[in-house]
Amino acid sequence: MVIHKDPFRQFQEELAALERKQQAEQASHETAAGRAKREFLALRDRYKLTVADVVAFFPEEEGIAYLQGLIAAAEANPRKTRTKKD
């Protein structure tokens, strides 16, 4: 008896097919605004845009929410201060 594909490879192919199906479903449900937001966030990361660029791009409520997220992240990770060596 000849096995054409080993079970692991078959599992990988089936998993990849499921992932492609999920991505296709997700893309079809994505709105134009959601797609624009995702693309802009990718551009922000790629081109190192400033906070002002991001806030100006989004509607006022989302800009405020973005700033609040930045503030919360900064408060969650307080700066470490240096101690003076004698």
PDB file of N, CA and C in Angstrom:
ATOM      1  N   MET A   1       0.838  -1.183   0.000  1.00  0.00           N
ATOM      2  CA  MET A   1       0.000   0.000   0.000  1.00  0.00           C
ATOM      3  C   MET A   1       0.879   1.241   0.000  1.00  0.00           C
ATOM      4  N   VAL A   2       0.650   2.136  -0.924  1.00  0.00           N
ATOM      5  CA  VAL A   2       1.441   3.335  -1.077  1.00  0.00           C
ATOM      6  C   VAL A   2       0.646   4.530  -0.544  1.00  0.00           C
ATOM      7  N   ILE A   3       1.282   5.320   0.342  1.00  0.00           N
ATOM      8  CA  ILE A   3       0.651   6.532   0.845  1.00  0.00           C
ATOM      9  C   ILE A   3       1.201   7.696   0.026  1.00  0.00           C
ATOM     10  N   HIS A   4       0.314   8.414  -0.625  1.00  0.00           N
ATOM     11  CA  HIS A   4       0.747   9.494  -1.497  1.00  0.00           C
ATOM     12  C   HIS A   4       1.241  10.697  -0.719  1.00  0.00           C
ATOM     13  N   LYS A   5       0.608  10.988   0.417  1.00  0.00           N
ATOM     14  CA  LYS A   5       1.015  12.125   1.232  1.00  0.00           C
ATOM     15  C   LYS A   5       1.123  11.672   2.666  1.00  0.00           C
ATOM     16  N   ASP A   6       2.128  12.137   3.318  1.00  0.00           N
ATOM     17  CA  ASP A   6       2.212  11.787   4.722  1.00  0.00           C
ATOM     18  C   ASP A   6       1.141  12.571   5.492  1.00  0.00           C
ATOM     19  N   PRO A   7       0.684  12.062   6.607  1.00  0.00           N
ATOM     20  CA  PRO A   7      -0.428  12.696   7.341  1.00  0.00           C
ATOM     21  C   PRO A   7      -0.145  14.136   7.763  1.00  0.00           C
ATOM     22  N   PHE A   8       1.086  14.441   8.126  1.00  0.00           N
ATOM     23  CA  PHE A   8       1.412  15.795   8.564  1.00  0.00           C
ATOM     24  C   PHE A   8       1.251  16.786   7.420  1.00  0.00           C
ATOM     25  N   ARG A   9       1.740  16.452   6.246  1.00  0.00           N
ATOM     26  CA  ARG A   9       1.616  17.336   5.085  1.00  0.00           C
ATOM     27  C   ARG A   9       0.143  17.533   4.725  1.00  0.00           C
ATOM     28  N   GLN A  10      -0.637  16.459   4.777  1.00  0.00           N
ATOM     29  CA  GLN A  10      -2.060  16.564   4.486  1.00  0.00           C
ATOM     30  C   GLN A  10      -2.734  17.489   5.503  1.00  0.00           C
ATOM     31  N   PHE A  11      -2.366  17.356   6.770  1.00  0.00           N
ATOM     32  CA  PHE A  11      -2.920  18.219   7.820  1.00  0.00           C
ATOM     33  C   PHE A  11      -2.572  19.679   7.541  1.00  0.00           C
ATOM     34  N   GLN A  12      -1.322  19.942   7.159  1.00  0.00           N
ATOM     35  CA  GLN A  12      -0.899  21.311   6.851  1.00  0.00           C
ATOM     36  C   GLN A  12      -1.707  21.888   5.688  1.00  0.00           C
ATOM     37  N   GLU A  13      -1.926  21.096   4.664  1.00  0.00           N
ATOM     38  CA  GLU A  13      -2.682  21.571   3.507  1.00  0.00           C
ATOM     39  C   GLU A  13      -4.138  21.865   3.877  1.00  0.00           C
ATOM     40  N   GLU A  14      -4.737  20.998   4.690  1.00  0.00           N
ATOM     41  CA  GLU A  14      -6.116  21.217   5.111  1.00  0.00           C
ATOM     42  C   GLU A  14      -6.225  22.459   5.998  1.00  0.00           C
ATOM     43  N   LEU A  15      -5.252  22.647   6.868  1.00  0.00           N
ATOM     44  CA  LEU A  15      -5.233  23.819   7.734  1.00  0.00           C
ATOM     45  C   LEU A  15      -5.064  25.096   6.910  1.00  0.00           C
ATOM     46  N   ALA A  16      -4.198  25.071   5.930  1.00  0.00           N
ATOM     47  CA  ALA A  16      -4.001  26.229   5.065  1.00  0.00           C
ATOM     48  C   ALA A  16      -5.279  26.548   4.289  1.00  0.00           C
ATOM     49  N   ALA A  17      -5.992  25.521   3.838  1.00  0.00           N
ATOM     50  CA  ALA A  17      -7.248  25.747   3.119  1.00  0.00           C
ATOM     51  C   ALA A  17      -8.286  26.393   4.032  1.00  0.00           C
ATOM     52  N   LEU A  18      -8.354  25.945   5.282  1.00  0.00           N
ATOM     53  CA  LEU A  18      -9.282  26.550   6.240  1.00  0.00           C
ATOM     54  C   LEU A  18      -8.932  28.012   6.509  1.00  0.00           C
ATOM     55  N   GLU A  19      -7.648  28.306   6.643  1.00  0.00           N
ATOM     56  CA  GLU A  19      -7.214  29.682   6.886  1.00  0.00           C
ATOM     57  C   GLU A  19      -7.551  30.577   5.698  1.00  0.00           C
ATOM     58  N   ARG A  20      -7.349  30.077   4.487  1.00  0.00           N
ATOM     59  CA  ARG A  20      -7.692  30.866   3.303  1.00  0.00           C
ATOM     60  C   ARG A  20      -9.195  31.137   3.262  1.00  0.00           C
ATOM     61  N   LYS A  21      -9.982  30.134   3.624  1.00  0.00           N
ATOM     62  CA  LYS A  21     -11.427  30.295   3.640  1.00  0.00           C
ATOM     63  C   LYS A  21     -11.842  31.350   4.667  1.00  0.00           C
ATOM     64  N   GLN A  22     -11.238  31.321   5.857  1.00  0.00           N
ATOM     65  CA  GLN A  22     -11.558  32.299   6.896  1.00  0.00           C
ATOM     66  C   GLN A  22     -11.149  33.706   6.463  1.00  0.00           C
ATOM     67  N   GLN A  23      -9.996  33.835   5.837  1.00  0.00           N
ATOM     68  CA  GLN A  23      -9.546  35.145   5.376  1.00  0.00           C
ATOM     69  C   GLN A  23     -10.467  35.685   4.299  1.00  0.00           C
ATOM     70  N   ALA A  24     -10.940  34.819   3.420  1.00  0.00           N
ATOM     71  CA  ALA A  24     -11.864  35.254   2.370  1.00  0.00           C
ATOM     72  C   ALA A  24     -13.182  35.717   2.984  1.00  0.00           C
ATOM     73  N   GLU A  25     -13.685  34.990   3.970  1.00  0.00           N
ATOM     74  CA  GLU A  25     -14.921  35.386   4.640  1.00  0.00           C
ATOM     75  C   GLU A  25     -14.735  36.703   5.377  1.00  0.00           C
ATOM     76  N   GLN A  26     -13.601  36.847   6.034  1.00  0.00           N
ATOM     77  CA  GLN A  26     -13.322  38.066   6.786  1.00  0.00           C
ATOM     78  C   GLN A  26     -13.198  39.261   5.838  1.00  0.00           C
ATOM     79  N   ALA A  27     -12.560  39.071   4.718  1.00  0.00           N
ATOM     80  CA  ALA A  27     -12.402  40.150   3.753  1.00  0.00           C
ATOM     81  C   ALA A  27     -13.744  40.561   3.165  1.00  0.00           C
ATOM     82  N   SER A  28     -14.638  39.612   2.977  1.00  0.00           N
ATOM     83  CA  SER A  28     -15.937  39.944   2.401  1.00  0.00           C
ATOM     84  C   SER A  28     -16.802  40.712   3.396  1.00  0.00           C
ATOM     85  N   HIS A  29     -16.598  40.503   4.688  1.00  0.00           N
ATOM     86  CA  HIS A  29     -17.376  41.188   5.711  1.00  0.00           C
ATOM     87  C   HIS A  29     -16.786  42.544   6.091  1.00  0.00           C
ATOM     88  N   GLU A  30     -15.579  42.798   5.666  1.00  0.00           N
ATOM     89  CA  GLU A  30     -14.903  44.035   6.033  1.00  0.00           C
ATOM     90  C   GLU A  30     -15.523  45.223   5.277  1.00  0.00           C
ATOM     91  N   THR A  31     -15.799  46.283   5.993  1.00  0.00           N
ATOM     92  CA  THR A  31     -16.374  47.468   5.375  1.00  0.00           C
ATOM     93  C   THR A  31     -15.275  48.303   4.745  1.00  0.00           C
ATOM     94  N   ALA A  32     -15.673  49.256   3.960  1.00  0.00           N
ATOM     95  CA  ALA A  32     -14.693  50.141   3.333  1.00  0.00           C
ATOM     96  C   ALA A  32     -13.954  50.945   4.396  1.00  0.00           C
ATOM     97  N   ALA A  33     -14.667  51.404   5.424  1.00  0.00           N
ATOM     98  CA  ALA A  33     -14.024  52.167   6.489  1.00  0.00           C
ATOM     99  C   ALA A  33     -13.045  51.295   7.262  1.00  0.00           C
ATOM    100  N   GLY A  34     -13.412  50.064   7.512  1.00  0.00           N
ATOM    101  CA  GLY A  34     -12.522  49.144   8.221  1.00  0.00           C
ATOM    102  C   GLY A  34     -11.264  48.847   7.424  1.00  0.00           C
ATOM    103  N   ARG A  35     -11.431  48.670   6.124  1.00  0.00           N
ATOM    104  CA  ARG A  35     -10.287  48.409   5.254  1.00  0.00           C
ATOM    105  C   ARG A  35      -9.367  49.629   5.207  1.00  0.00           C
ATOM    106  N   ALA A  36      -9.958  50.832   5.114  1.00  0.00           N
ATOM    107  CA  ALA A  36      -9.153  52.055   5.092  1.00  0.00           C
ATOM    108  C   ALA A  36      -8.391  52.223   6.396  1.00  0.00           C
ATOM    109  N   LYS A  37      -9.044  51.918   7.499  1.00  0.00           N
ATOM    110  CA  LYS A  37      -8.390  52.039   8.802  1.00  0.00           C
ATOM    111  C   LYS A  37      -7.218  51.071   8.906  1.00  0.00           C
ATOM    112  N   ARG A  38      -7.418  49.821   8.485  1.00  0.00           N
ATOM    113  CA  ARG A  38      -6.353  48.826   8.536  1.00  0.00           C
ATOM    114  C   ARG A  38      -5.178  49.239   7.656  1.00  0.00           C
ATOM    115  N   GLU A  39      -5.482  49.732   6.457  1.00  0.00           N
ATOM    116  CA  GLU A  39      -4.428  50.156   5.545  1.00  0.00           C
ATOM    117  C   GLU A  39      -3.677  51.367   6.096  1.00  0.00           C
ATOM    118  N   PHE A  40      -4.411  52.302   6.708  1.00  0.00           N
ATOM    119  CA  PHE A  40      -3.747  53.473   7.268  1.00  0.00           C
ATOM    120  C   PHE A  40      -2.838  53.079   8.418  1.00  0.00           C
ATOM    121  N   LEU A  41      -3.294  52.178   9.278  1.00  0.00           N
ATOM    122  CA  LEU A  41      -2.454  51.750  10.391  1.00  0.00           C
ATOM    123  C   LEU A  41      -1.184  51.065   9.885  1.00  0.00           C
ATOM    124  N   ALA A  42      -1.304  50.328   8.792  1.00  0.00           N
ATOM    125  CA  ALA A  42      -0.114  49.716   8.195  1.00  0.00           C
ATOM    126  C   ALA A  42       0.832  50.792   7.658  1.00  0.00           C
ATOM    127  N   LEU A  43       0.263  51.824   7.026  1.00  0.00           N
ATOM    128  CA  LEU A  43       1.096  52.931   6.541  1.00  0.00           C
ATOM    129  C   LEU A  43       1.755  53.684   7.692  1.00  0.00           C
ATOM    130  N   ARG A  44       1.002  53.860   8.784  1.00  0.00           N
ATOM    131  CA  ARG A  44       1.559  54.550   9.950  1.00  0.00           C
ATOM    132  C   ARG A  44       2.794  53.823  10.456  1.00  0.00           C
ATOM    133  N   ASP A  45       2.699  52.508  10.528  1.00  0.00           N
ATOM    134  CA  ASP A  45       3.845  51.727  10.988  1.00  0.00           C
ATOM    135  C   ASP A  45       4.992  51.782   9.988  1.00  0.00           C
ATOM    136  N   ARG A  46       4.680  51.718   8.699  1.00  0.00           N
ATOM    137  CA  ARG A  46       5.719  51.688   7.676  1.00  0.00           C
ATOM    138  C   ARG A  46       6.456  53.026   7.571  1.00  0.00           C
ATOM    139  N   TYR A  47       5.685  54.138   7.611  1.00  0.00           N
ATOM    140  CA  TYR A  47       6.290  55.447   7.390  1.00  0.00           C
ATOM    141  C   TYR A  47       6.515  56.244   8.667  1.00  0.00           C
ATOM    142  N   LYS A  48       6.296  55.621   9.810  1.00  0.00           N
ATOM    143  CA  LYS A  48       6.544  56.260  11.114  1.00  0.00           C
ATOM    144  C   LYS A  48       5.822  57.604  11.220  1.00  0.00           C
ATOM    145  N   LEU A  49       4.505  57.565  10.966  1.00  0.00           N
ATOM    146  CA  LEU A  49       3.716  58.784  11.044  1.00  0.00           C
ATOM    147  C   LEU A  49       3.574  59.233  12.491  1.00  0.00           C
ATOM    148  N   THR A  50       3.348  60.514  12.685  1.00  0.00           N
ATOM    149  CA  THR A  50       3.223  61.066  14.030  1.00  0.00           C
ATOM    150  C   THR A  50       1.806  60.910  14.545  1.00  0.00           C
ATOM    151  N   VAL A  51       1.627  61.197  15.832  1.00  0.00           N
ATOM    152  CA  VAL A  51       0.305  61.138  16.446  1.00  0.00           C
ATOM    153  C   VAL A  51      -0.623  62.144  15.763  1.00  0.00           C
ATOM    154  N   ALA A  52      -0.105  63.320  15.421  1.00  0.00           N
ATOM    155  CA  ALA A  52      -0.922  64.342  14.765  1.00  0.00           C
ATOM    156  C   ALA A  52      -1.449  63.845  13.412  1.00  0.00           C
ATOM    157  N   ASP A  53      -0.631  63.109  12.676  1.00  0.00           N
ATOM    158  CA  ASP A  53      -1.071  62.547  11.398  1.00  0.00           C
ATOM    159  C   ASP A  53      -2.229  61.575  11.606  1.00  0.00           C
ATOM    160  N   VAL A  54      -2.086  60.736  12.613  1.00  0.00           N
ATOM    161  CA  VAL A  54      -3.109  59.727  12.885  1.00  0.00           C
ATOM    162  C   VAL A  54      -4.401  60.383  13.343  1.00  0.00           C
ATOM    163  N   VAL A  55      -4.304  61.328  14.274  1.00  0.00           N
ATOM    164  CA  VAL A  55      -5.491  61.991  14.806  1.00  0.00           C
ATOM    165  C   VAL A  55      -6.212  62.757  13.699  1.00  0.00           C
ATOM    166  N   ALA A  56      -5.475  63.387  12.806  1.00  0.00           N
ATOM    167  CA  ALA A  56      -6.093  64.139  11.708  1.00  0.00           C
ATOM    168  C   ALA A  56      -6.794  63.208  10.713  1.00  0.00           C
ATOM    169  N   PHE A  57      -6.333  61.980  10.583  1.00  0.00           N
ATOM    170  CA  PHE A  57      -6.910  61.052   9.613  1.00  0.00           C
ATOM    171  C   PHE A  57      -8.263  60.524  10.070  1.00  0.00           C
ATOM    172  N   PHE A  58      -8.379  60.137  11.322  1.00  0.00           N
ATOM    173  CA  PHE A  58      -9.595  59.506  11.824  1.00  0.00           C
ATOM    174  C   PHE A  58     -10.641  60.542  12.202  1.00  0.00           C
ATOM    175  N   PRO A  59     -11.912  60.118  12.271  1.00  0.00           N
ATOM    176  CA  PRO A  59     -12.934  61.004  12.814  1.00  0.00           C
ATOM    177  C   PRO A  59     -12.586  61.372  14.259  1.00  0.00           C
ATOM    178  N   GLU A  60     -13.152  62.451  14.743  1.00  0.00           N
ATOM    179  CA  GLU A  60     -12.781  62.993  16.044  1.00  0.00           C
ATOM    180  C   GLU A  60     -12.864  61.951  17.163  1.00  0.00           C
ATOM    181  N   GLU A  61     -13.951  61.168  17.195  1.00  0.00           N
ATOM    182  CA  GLU A  61     -14.119  60.190  18.266  1.00  0.00           C
ATOM    183  C   GLU A  61     -13.028  59.129  18.240  1.00  0.00           C
ATOM    184  N   GLU A  62     -12.694  58.660  17.056  1.00  0.00           N
ATOM    185  CA  GLU A  62     -11.662  57.633  16.949  1.00  0.00           C
ATOM    186  C   GLU A  62     -10.283  58.205  17.254  1.00  0.00           C
ATOM    187  N   GLY A  63     -10.050  59.471  16.893  1.00  0.00           N
ATOM    188  CA  GLY A  63      -8.782  60.114  17.233  1.00  0.00           C
ATOM    189  C   GLY A  63      -8.605  60.225  18.728  1.00  0.00           C
ATOM    190  N   ILE A  64      -9.690  60.590  19.410  1.00  0.00           N
ATOM    191  CA  ILE A  64      -9.639  60.693  20.870  1.00  0.00           C
ATOM    192  C   ILE A  64      -9.400  59.312  21.474  1.00  0.00           C
ATOM    193  N   ALA A  65     -10.083  58.301  20.954  1.00  0.00           N
ATOM    194  CA  ALA A  65      -9.905  56.938  21.463  1.00  0.00           C
ATOM    195  C   ALA A  65      -8.461  56.478  21.251  1.00  0.00           C
ATOM    196  N   TYR A  66      -7.880  56.841  20.113  1.00  0.00           N
ATOM    197  CA  TYR A  66      -6.491  56.480  19.835  1.00  0.00           C
ATOM    198  C   TYR A  66      -5.555  57.133  20.838  1.00  0.00           C
ATOM    199  N   LEU A  67      -5.767  58.427  21.107  1.00  0.00           N
ATOM    200  CA  LEU A  67      -4.937  59.129  22.085  1.00  0.00           C
ATOM    201  C   LEU A  67      -5.094  58.521  23.478  1.00  0.00           C
ATOM    202  N   GLN A  68      -6.324  58.169  23.846  1.00  0.00           N
ATOM    203  CA  GLN A  68      -6.545  57.547  25.147  1.00  0.00           C
ATOM    204  C   GLN A  68      -5.813  56.211  25.240  1.00  0.00           C
ATOM    205  N   GLY A  69      -5.781  55.467  24.152  1.00  0.00           N
ATOM    206  CA  GLY A  69      -5.039  54.204  24.134  1.00  0.00           C
ATOM    207  C   GLY A  69      -3.551  54.423  24.317  1.00  0.00           C
ATOM    208  N   LEU A  70      -3.017  55.461  23.674  1.00  0.00           N
ATOM    209  CA  LEU A  70      -1.594  55.776  23.849  1.00  0.00           C
ATOM    210  C   LEU A  70      -1.281  56.165  25.289  1.00  0.00           C
ATOM    211  N   ILE A  71      -2.166  56.973  25.884  1.00  0.00           N
ATOM    212  CA  ILE A  71      -1.961  57.403  27.262  1.00  0.00           C
ATOM    213  C   ILE A  71      -2.031  56.211  28.200  1.00  0.00           C
ATOM    214  N   ALA A  72      -3.005  55.340  27.997  1.00  0.00           N
ATOM    215  CA  ALA A  72      -3.141  54.158  28.848  1.00  0.00           C
ATOM    216  C   ALA A  72      -1.919  53.260  28.726  1.00  0.00           C
ATOM    217  N   ALA A  73      -1.397  53.106  27.521  1.00  0.00           N
ATOM    218  CA  ALA A  73      -0.205  52.277  27.326  1.00  0.00           C
ATOM    219  C   ALA A  73       1.006  52.896  28.015  1.00  0.00           C
ATOM    220  N   ALA A  74       1.107  54.217  27.957  1.00  0.00           N
ATOM    221  CA  ALA A  74       2.236  54.894  28.596  1.00  0.00           C
ATOM    222  C   ALA A  74       2.144  54.780  30.120  1.00  0.00           C
ATOM    223  N   GLU A  75       0.927  54.857  30.653  1.00  0.00           N
ATOM    224  CA  GLU A  75       0.758  54.745  32.098  1.00  0.00           C
ATOM    225  C   GLU A  75       0.982  53.315  32.573  1.00  0.00           C
ATOM    226  N   ALA A  76       0.690  52.357  31.742  1.00  0.00           N
ATOM    227  CA  ALA A  76       0.882  50.958  32.109  1.00  0.00           C
ATOM    228  C   ALA A  76       2.361  50.607  32.197  1.00  0.00           C
ATOM    229  N   ASN A  77       3.179  51.271  31.417  1.00  0.00           N
ATOM    230  CA  ASN A  77       4.622  51.030  31.410  1.00  0.00           C
ATOM    231  C   ASN A  77       5.352  52.301  31.837  1.00  0.00           C
ATOM    232  N   PRO A  78       5.417  52.573  33.144  1.00  0.00           N
ATOM    233  CA  PRO A  78       6.073  53.815  33.567  1.00  0.00           C
ATOM    234  C   PRO A  78       7.565  53.791  33.242  1.00  0.00           C
ATOM    235  N   ARG A  79       8.103  54.980  33.046  1.00  0.00           N
ATOM    236  CA  ARG A  79       9.529  55.095  32.737  1.00  0.00           C
ATOM    237  C   ARG A  79      10.359  54.687  33.931  1.00  0.00           C
ATOM    238  N   LYS A  80      11.464  54.069  33.641  1.00  0.00           N
ATOM    239  CA  LYS A  80      12.394  53.699  34.702  1.00  0.00           C
ATOM    240  C   LYS A  80      13.379  54.851  34.884  1.00  0.00           C
ATOM    241  N   THR A  81      13.568  55.239  36.106  1.00  0.00           N
ATOM    242  CA  THR A  81      14.497  56.321  36.380  1.00  0.00           C
ATOM    243  C   THR A  81      15.866  55.742  36.706  1.00  0.00           C
ATOM    244  N   ARG A  82      16.871  56.504  36.373  1.00  0.00           N
ATOM    245  CA  ARG A  82      18.243  56.075  36.671  1.00  0.00           C
ATOM    246  C   ARG A  82      18.576  56.415  38.111  1.00  0.00           C
ATOM    247  N   THR A  83      19.325  55.550  38.696  1.00  0.00           N
ATOM    248  CA  THR A  83      19.811  55.847  40.033  1.00  0.00           C
ATOM    249  C   THR A  83      21.254  56.305  39.910  1.00  0.00           C
ATOM    250  N   LYS A  84      21.598  57.291  40.716  1.00  0.00           N
ATOM    251  CA  LYS A  84      22.964  57.820  40.658  1.00  0.00           C
ATOM    252  C   LYS A  84      23.902  56.876  41.383  1.00  0.00           C
ATOM    253  N   LYS A  85      25.030  56.662  40.765  1.00  0.00           N
ATOM    254  CA  LYS A  85      26.061  55.849  41.399  1.00  0.00           C
ATOM    255  C   LYS A  85      26.981  56.775  42.185  1.00  0.00           C
ATOM    256  N   ASP A  86      27.302  56.369  43.384  1.00  0.00           N
ATOM    257  CA  ASP A  86      28.169  57.212  44.231  1.00  0.00           C
ATOM    258  C   ASP A  86      29.612  57.080  43.872  1.00  0.00           C
TER     259      ASP A  86
END
